[in-house]
Amino acid sequence: MNSQIVDRGDGPKIAGTRITIYTIFEYLQAGWDRASIAIWLGIGTAAVEAAERYIDEHRDEVTLEFQKIMERTDRGNPPELQAKLDATHERFMEKVRVMRSANANSANGADHEGSSRGQ
């Protein structure tokens, strides 16, 4: 199978996947071999080889874009977005606490009924 690299405006990816060249680049930079990358990502080694060829042919461009991606990742979320995420997470955790409490009360009630029947 001849794997291809495609770019539909959102960066180069392995055709038929959402796996970017930058993902492959990161694993290669970390010292992973082709077979391990292929197994970990659930793709063929031919796809990894195609990504490697693309990286080799566009080394400067890929390296520069990868650095930008890592800088963006290191910065994290902007404060206003992080505040929204934190608030959403707190609402979620409150719902979890309510459900756990309801389940615990339900279980305690069932245990209590069961023990009184046996007496």
N, C-alpha and C. Protein backbone atom coordinates (compact mmCIF):
# COMPACT_ATOMS: atom_id res chain seq x y z
N MET A 1 0.84 -1.18 0.00
CA MET A 1 0.00 0.00 0.00
C MET A 1 0.89 1.24 0.00
N ASN A 2 0.59 2.16 -0.87
CA ASN A 2 1.35 3.39 -0.97
C ASN A 2 0.64 4.48 -0.17
N SER A 3 1.14 4.79 1.01
CA SER A 3 0.53 5.80 1.85
C SER A 3 0.86 7.18 1.33
N GLN A 4 -0.10 8.07 1.48
CA GLN A 4 0.08 9.42 1.01
C GLN A 4 -0.05 10.41 2.15
N ILE A 5 0.53 11.56 1.94
CA ILE A 5 0.38 12.68 2.86
C ILE A 5 -0.53 13.68 2.16
N VAL A 6 -1.56 14.12 2.85
CA VAL A 6 -2.51 15.07 2.28
C VAL A 6 -2.59 16.29 3.18
N ASP A 7 -2.93 17.42 2.57
CA ASP A 7 -3.14 18.65 3.32
C ASP A 7 -4.40 19.31 2.77
N ARG A 8 -5.43 19.27 3.54
CA ARG A 8 -6.71 19.86 3.13
C ARG A 8 -6.94 21.19 3.84
N GLY A 9 -5.84 21.88 4.10
CA GLY A 9 -5.93 23.19 4.71
C GLY A 9 -5.73 23.22 6.21
N ASP A 10 -5.63 22.06 6.81
CA ASP A 10 -5.42 22.01 8.26
C ASP A 10 -4.14 21.29 8.64
N GLY A 11 -3.17 21.32 7.74
CA GLY A 11 -1.88 20.72 8.01
C GLY A 11 -1.74 19.36 7.39
N PRO A 12 -0.52 18.94 7.12
CA PRO A 12 -0.28 17.65 6.48
C PRO A 12 -0.58 16.48 7.41
N LYS A 13 -1.33 15.53 6.86
CA LYS A 13 -1.74 14.34 7.61
C LYS A 13 -1.52 13.11 6.76
N ILE A 14 -1.51 11.97 7.42
CA ILE A 14 -1.48 10.70 6.71
C ILE A 14 -2.89 10.49 6.15
N ALA A 15 -2.98 10.25 4.84
CA ALA A 15 -4.27 10.09 4.18
C ALA A 15 -5.13 9.05 4.89
N GLY A 16 -6.41 9.38 5.06
CA GLY A 16 -7.34 8.46 5.68
C GLY A 16 -7.28 8.44 7.20
N THR A 17 -6.46 9.32 7.78
CA THR A 17 -6.34 9.38 9.24
C THR A 17 -6.41 10.84 9.69
N ARG A 18 -6.40 11.03 10.98
CA ARG A 18 -6.28 12.37 11.55
C ARG A 18 -4.87 12.57 12.12
N ILE A 19 -3.97 11.68 11.78
CA ILE A 19 -2.61 11.71 12.31
C ILE A 19 -1.78 12.69 11.50
N THR A 20 -1.25 13.70 12.20
CA THR A 20 -0.48 14.72 11.52
C THR A 20 0.99 14.32 11.39
N ILE A 21 1.63 15.00 10.48
CA ILE A 21 3.07 14.85 10.30
C ILE A 21 3.78 15.20 11.61
N TYR A 22 3.23 16.17 12.32
CA TYR A 22 3.87 16.65 13.55
C TYR A 22 3.83 15.59 14.65
N THR A 23 2.79 14.76 14.64
CA THR A 23 2.74 13.64 15.59
C THR A 23 3.87 12.67 15.30
N ILE A 24 4.03 12.32 14.04
CA ILE A 24 5.11 11.41 13.64
C ILE A 24 6.46 12.05 13.98
N PHE A 25 6.60 13.33 13.65
CA PHE A 25 7.84 14.06 13.91
C PHE A 25 8.19 14.00 15.40
N GLU A 26 7.20 14.19 16.25
CA GLU A 26 7.44 14.16 17.70
C GLU A 26 7.96 12.80 18.16
N TYR A 27 7.34 11.72 17.67
CA TYR A 27 7.81 10.39 18.03
C TYR A 27 9.22 10.13 17.51
N LEU A 28 9.49 10.56 16.30
CA LEU A 28 10.83 10.38 15.73
C LEU A 28 11.86 11.16 16.55
N GLN A 29 11.52 12.38 16.95
CA GLN A 29 12.42 13.19 17.77
C GLN A 29 12.71 12.51 19.11
N ALA A 30 11.73 11.77 19.61
CA ALA A 30 11.89 11.07 20.89
C ALA A 30 12.65 9.75 20.73
N GLY A 31 13.01 9.40 19.49
CA GLY A 31 13.81 8.20 19.28
C GLY A 31 13.02 6.94 18.99
N TRP A 32 11.73 7.06 18.75
CA TRP A 32 10.93 5.87 18.43
C TRP A 32 11.29 5.35 17.05
N ASP A 33 11.21 4.03 16.87
CA ASP A 33 11.44 3.44 15.55
C ASP A 33 10.11 3.34 14.80
N ARG A 34 10.20 3.15 13.48
CA ARG A 34 9.01 3.10 12.63
C ARG A 34 7.97 2.10 13.11
N ALA A 35 8.43 0.89 13.39
CA ALA A 35 7.49 -0.17 13.78
C ALA A 35 6.74 0.20 15.05
N SER A 36 7.43 0.75 16.04
CA SER A 36 6.78 1.13 17.29
C SER A 36 5.77 2.24 17.08
N ILE A 37 6.12 3.22 16.25
CA ILE A 37 5.19 4.31 15.95
C ILE A 37 3.95 3.75 15.27
N ALA A 38 4.16 2.89 14.29
CA ALA A 38 3.05 2.30 13.55
C ALA A 38 2.11 1.53 14.47
N ILE A 39 2.68 0.72 15.34
CA ILE A 39 1.87 -0.06 16.28
C ILE A 39 1.11 0.86 17.22
N TRP A 40 1.80 1.82 17.80
CA TRP A 40 1.19 2.72 18.79
C TRP A 40 0.03 3.52 18.18
N LEU A 41 0.20 3.96 16.93
CA LEU A 41 -0.82 4.79 16.29
C LEU A 41 -1.83 3.98 15.47
N GLY A 42 -1.61 2.68 15.36
CA GLY A 42 -2.55 1.83 14.63
C GLY A 42 -2.53 2.07 13.13
N ILE A 43 -1.34 2.31 12.60
CA ILE A 43 -1.17 2.54 11.16
C ILE A 43 -0.07 1.60 10.66
N GLY A 44 0.06 1.53 9.35
CA GLY A 44 1.11 0.69 8.78
C GLY A 44 2.46 1.40 8.78
N THR A 45 3.51 0.60 8.70
CA THR A 45 4.85 1.20 8.63
C THR A 45 5.03 2.01 7.36
N ALA A 46 4.29 1.66 6.29
CA ALA A 46 4.37 2.44 5.05
C ALA A 46 3.89 3.87 5.29
N ALA A 47 2.89 4.04 6.15
CA ALA A 47 2.40 5.38 6.47
C ALA A 47 3.45 6.17 7.23
N VAL A 48 4.13 5.50 8.14
CA VAL A 48 5.21 6.16 8.89
C VAL A 48 6.34 6.54 7.94
N GLU A 49 6.67 5.65 7.04
CA GLU A 49 7.72 5.93 6.04
C GLU A 49 7.33 7.12 5.16
N ALA A 50 6.07 7.19 4.75
CA ALA A 50 5.60 8.33 3.95
C ALA A 50 5.74 9.63 4.74
N ALA A 51 5.40 9.57 6.01
CA ALA A 51 5.53 10.75 6.87
C ALA A 51 7.00 11.15 7.01
N GLU A 52 7.86 10.16 7.18
CA GLU A 52 9.30 10.45 7.27
C GLU A 52 9.82 11.11 6.00
N ARG A 53 9.39 10.60 4.85
CA ARG A 53 9.81 11.20 3.58
C ARG A 53 9.35 12.65 3.49
N TYR A 54 8.10 12.88 3.88
CA TYR A 54 7.56 14.25 3.85
C TYR A 54 8.38 15.15 4.77
N ILE A 55 8.67 14.65 5.96
CA ILE A 55 9.46 15.43 6.93
C ILE A 55 10.83 15.75 6.36
N ASP A 56 11.47 14.75 5.76
CA ASP A 56 12.80 14.97 5.17
C ASP A 56 12.76 16.00 4.05
N GLU A 57 11.71 15.94 3.23
CA GLU A 57 11.60 16.86 2.10
C GLU A 57 11.22 18.29 2.52
N HIS A 58 10.63 18.43 3.70
CA HIS A 58 10.15 19.73 4.18
C HIS A 58 10.70 20.02 5.59
N ARG A 59 11.92 19.60 5.83
CA ARG A 59 12.52 19.64 7.17
C ARG A 59 12.38 21.00 7.86
N ASP A 60 12.78 22.07 7.19
CA ASP A 60 12.75 23.41 7.83
C ASP A 60 11.33 23.83 8.17
N GLU A 61 10.42 23.65 7.22
CA GLU A 61 9.02 24.02 7.43
C GLU A 61 8.39 23.22 8.57
N VAL A 62 8.61 21.91 8.57
CA VAL A 62 8.05 21.04 9.61
C VAL A 62 8.62 21.40 10.98
N THR A 63 9.93 21.61 11.04
CA THR A 63 10.58 21.96 12.31
C THR A 63 10.04 23.27 12.86
N LEU A 64 9.91 24.27 12.01
CA LEU A 64 9.40 25.57 12.44
C LEU A 64 7.96 25.46 12.95
N GLU A 65 7.10 24.77 12.21
CA GLU A 65 5.70 24.63 12.62
C GLU A 65 5.60 23.81 13.90
N PHE A 66 6.41 22.78 14.03
CA PHE A 66 6.41 21.96 15.25
C PHE A 66 6.80 22.81 16.46
N GLN A 67 7.79 23.68 16.30
CA GLN A 67 8.19 24.57 17.39
C GLN A 67 7.04 25.49 17.79
N LYS A 68 6.30 25.99 16.81
CA LYS A 68 5.14 26.85 17.10
C LYS A 68 4.08 26.07 17.87
N ILE A 69 3.84 24.85 17.45
CA ILE A 69 2.86 24.00 18.14
C ILE A 69 3.26 23.78 19.59
N MET A 70 4.53 23.46 19.81
CA MET A 70 5.01 23.20 21.17
C MET A 70 4.94 24.46 22.04
N GLU A 71 5.26 25.62 21.46
CA GLU A 71 5.16 26.87 22.21
C GLU A 71 3.72 27.15 22.61
N ARG A 72 2.80 26.91 21.68
CA ARG A 72 1.37 27.11 21.97
C ARG A 72 0.92 26.16 23.07
N THR A 73 1.37 24.93 23.01
CA THR A 73 1.03 23.93 24.02
C THR A 73 1.59 24.33 25.38
N ASP A 74 2.83 24.79 25.40
CA ASP A 74 3.47 25.19 26.65
C ASP A 74 2.78 26.39 27.30
N ARG A 75 2.24 27.29 26.48
CA ARG A 75 1.54 28.47 27.03
C ARG A 75 0.26 28.08 27.73
N GLY A 76 -0.36 27.01 27.30
CA GLY A 76 -1.63 26.61 27.90
C GLY A 76 -2.78 27.47 27.40
N ASN A 77 -3.91 27.37 28.07
CA ASN A 77 -5.09 28.11 27.68
C ASN A 77 -5.01 29.56 28.14
N PRO A 78 -5.61 30.46 27.37
CA PRO A 78 -5.71 31.84 27.84
C PRO A 78 -6.53 31.88 29.14
N PRO A 79 -6.25 32.84 30.02
CA PRO A 79 -6.93 32.89 31.32
C PRO A 79 -8.46 32.87 31.23
N GLU A 80 -9.04 33.60 30.26
CA GLU A 80 -10.50 33.65 30.17
C GLU A 80 -11.08 32.29 29.77
N LEU A 81 -10.40 31.56 28.90
CA LEU A 81 -10.85 30.23 28.54
C LEU A 81 -10.66 29.27 29.71
N GLN A 82 -9.53 29.35 30.40
CA GLN A 82 -9.28 28.46 31.53
C GLN A 82 -10.33 28.67 32.62
N ALA A 83 -10.74 29.93 32.84
CA ALA A 83 -11.78 30.22 33.84
C ALA A 83 -13.09 29.53 33.46
N LYS A 84 -13.45 29.56 32.17
CA LYS A 84 -14.67 28.89 31.71
C LYS A 84 -14.56 27.38 31.89
N LEU A 85 -13.40 26.83 31.54
CA LEU A 85 -13.19 25.39 31.69
C LEU A 85 -13.27 24.99 33.17
N ASP A 86 -12.68 25.78 34.03
CA ASP A 86 -12.71 25.48 35.47
C ASP A 86 -14.14 25.53 36.00
N ALA A 87 -14.93 26.52 35.57
CA ALA A 87 -16.31 26.64 36.02
C ALA A 87 -17.14 25.44 35.53
N THR A 88 -16.93 25.05 34.29
CA THR A 88 -17.65 23.90 33.74
C THR A 88 -17.27 22.64 34.50
N HIS A 89 -16.00 22.49 34.79
CA HIS A 89 -15.54 21.32 35.54
C HIS A 89 -16.16 21.29 36.94
N GLU A 90 -16.25 22.43 37.59
CA GLU A 90 -16.84 22.49 38.93
C GLU A 90 -18.33 22.11 38.88
N ARG A 91 -19.06 22.59 37.87
CA ARG A 91 -20.47 22.21 37.73
C ARG A 91 -20.59 20.70 37.51
N PHE A 92 -19.72 20.15 36.70
CA PHE A 92 -19.71 18.71 36.46
C PHE A 92 -19.46 17.94 37.77
N MET A 93 -18.44 18.38 38.50
CA MET A 93 -18.09 17.69 39.76
C MET A 93 -19.24 17.79 40.78
N GLU A 94 -19.95 18.89 40.78
CA GLU A 94 -21.11 19.03 41.68
C GLU A 94 -22.18 18.01 41.31
N LYS A 95 -22.42 17.83 40.01
CA LYS A 95 -23.39 16.82 39.57
C LYS A 95 -22.94 15.42 39.98
N VAL A 96 -21.65 15.16 39.87
CA VAL A 96 -21.12 13.86 40.28
C VAL A 96 -21.36 13.66 41.78
N ARG A 97 -21.09 14.70 42.59
CA ARG A 97 -21.30 14.58 44.04
C ARG A 97 -22.77 14.32 44.35
N VAL A 98 -23.68 15.01 43.67
CA VAL A 98 -25.12 14.82 43.89
C VAL A 98 -25.52 13.39 43.53
N MET A 99 -25.04 12.90 42.38
CA MET A 99 -25.38 11.54 41.97
C MET A 99 -24.82 10.50 42.93
N ARG A 100 -23.60 10.70 43.39
CA ARG A 100 -23.00 9.75 44.34
C ARG A 100 -23.77 9.75 45.65
N SER A 101 -24.15 10.92 46.09
CA SER A 101 -24.92 11.03 47.33
C SER A 101 -26.26 10.33 47.17
N ALA A 102 -26.93 10.55 46.05
CA ALA A 102 -28.22 9.90 45.80
C ALA A 102 -28.05 8.39 45.74
N ASN A 103 -27.00 7.93 45.08
CA ASN A 103 -26.75 6.49 45.00
C ASN A 103 -26.44 5.90 46.37
N ALA A 104 -25.67 6.63 47.17
CA ALA A 104 -25.34 6.15 48.51
C ALA A 104 -26.60 6.09 49.37
N ASN A 105 -27.43 7.11 49.29
CA ASN A 105 -28.68 7.12 50.07
C ASN A 105 -29.60 5.99 49.62
N SER A 106 -29.66 5.76 48.32
CA SER A 106 -30.48 4.68 47.78
C SER A 106 -29.97 3.33 48.27
N ALA A 107 -28.65 3.15 48.23
CA ALA A 107 -28.06 1.88 48.68
C ALA A 107 -28.27 1.69 50.17
N ASN A 108 -28.14 2.75 50.95
CA ASN A 108 -28.34 2.65 52.40
C ASN A 108 -29.78 2.31 52.72
N GLY A 109 -30.70 2.88 51.97
CA GLY A 109 -32.12 2.58 52.17
C GLY A 109 -32.43 1.14 51.83
N ALA A 110 -31.83 0.64 50.75
CA ALA A 110 -32.06 -0.75 50.35
C ALA A 110 -31.45 -1.70 51.37
N ASP A 111 -30.27 -1.38 51.88
CA ASP A 111 -29.64 -2.22 52.88
C ASP A 111 -30.48 -2.23 54.16
N HIS A 112 -30.99 -1.06 54.51
CA HIS A 112 -31.78 -0.95 55.73
C HIS A 112 -33.06 -1.76 55.61
N GLU A 113 -33.75 -1.67 54.44
CA GLU A 113 -34.97 -2.44 54.24
C GLU A 113 -34.66 -3.93 54.28
N GLY A 114 -33.59 -4.32 53.62
CA GLY A 114 -33.24 -5.73 53.57
C GLY A 114 -32.92 -6.29 54.94
N SER A 115 -32.25 -5.50 55.77
CA SER A 115 -31.88 -6.01 57.10
C SER A 115 -33.08 -6.06 58.01
N SER A 116 -34.06 -5.18 57.84
CA SER A 116 -35.23 -5.21 58.72
C SER A 116 -36.16 -6.35 58.35
N ARG A 117 -36.13 -6.78 57.08
CA ARG A 117 -36.98 -7.90 56.69
C ARG A 117 -36.49 -9.21 57.29
N GLY A 118 -35.16 -9.30 57.43
CA GLY A 118 -34.60 -10.54 57.93
C GLY A 118 -34.77 -10.70 59.43
N GLN A 119 -35.23 -9.70 60.13
CA GLN A 119 -35.34 -9.79 61.59
C GLN A 119 -36.66 -10.31 62.03
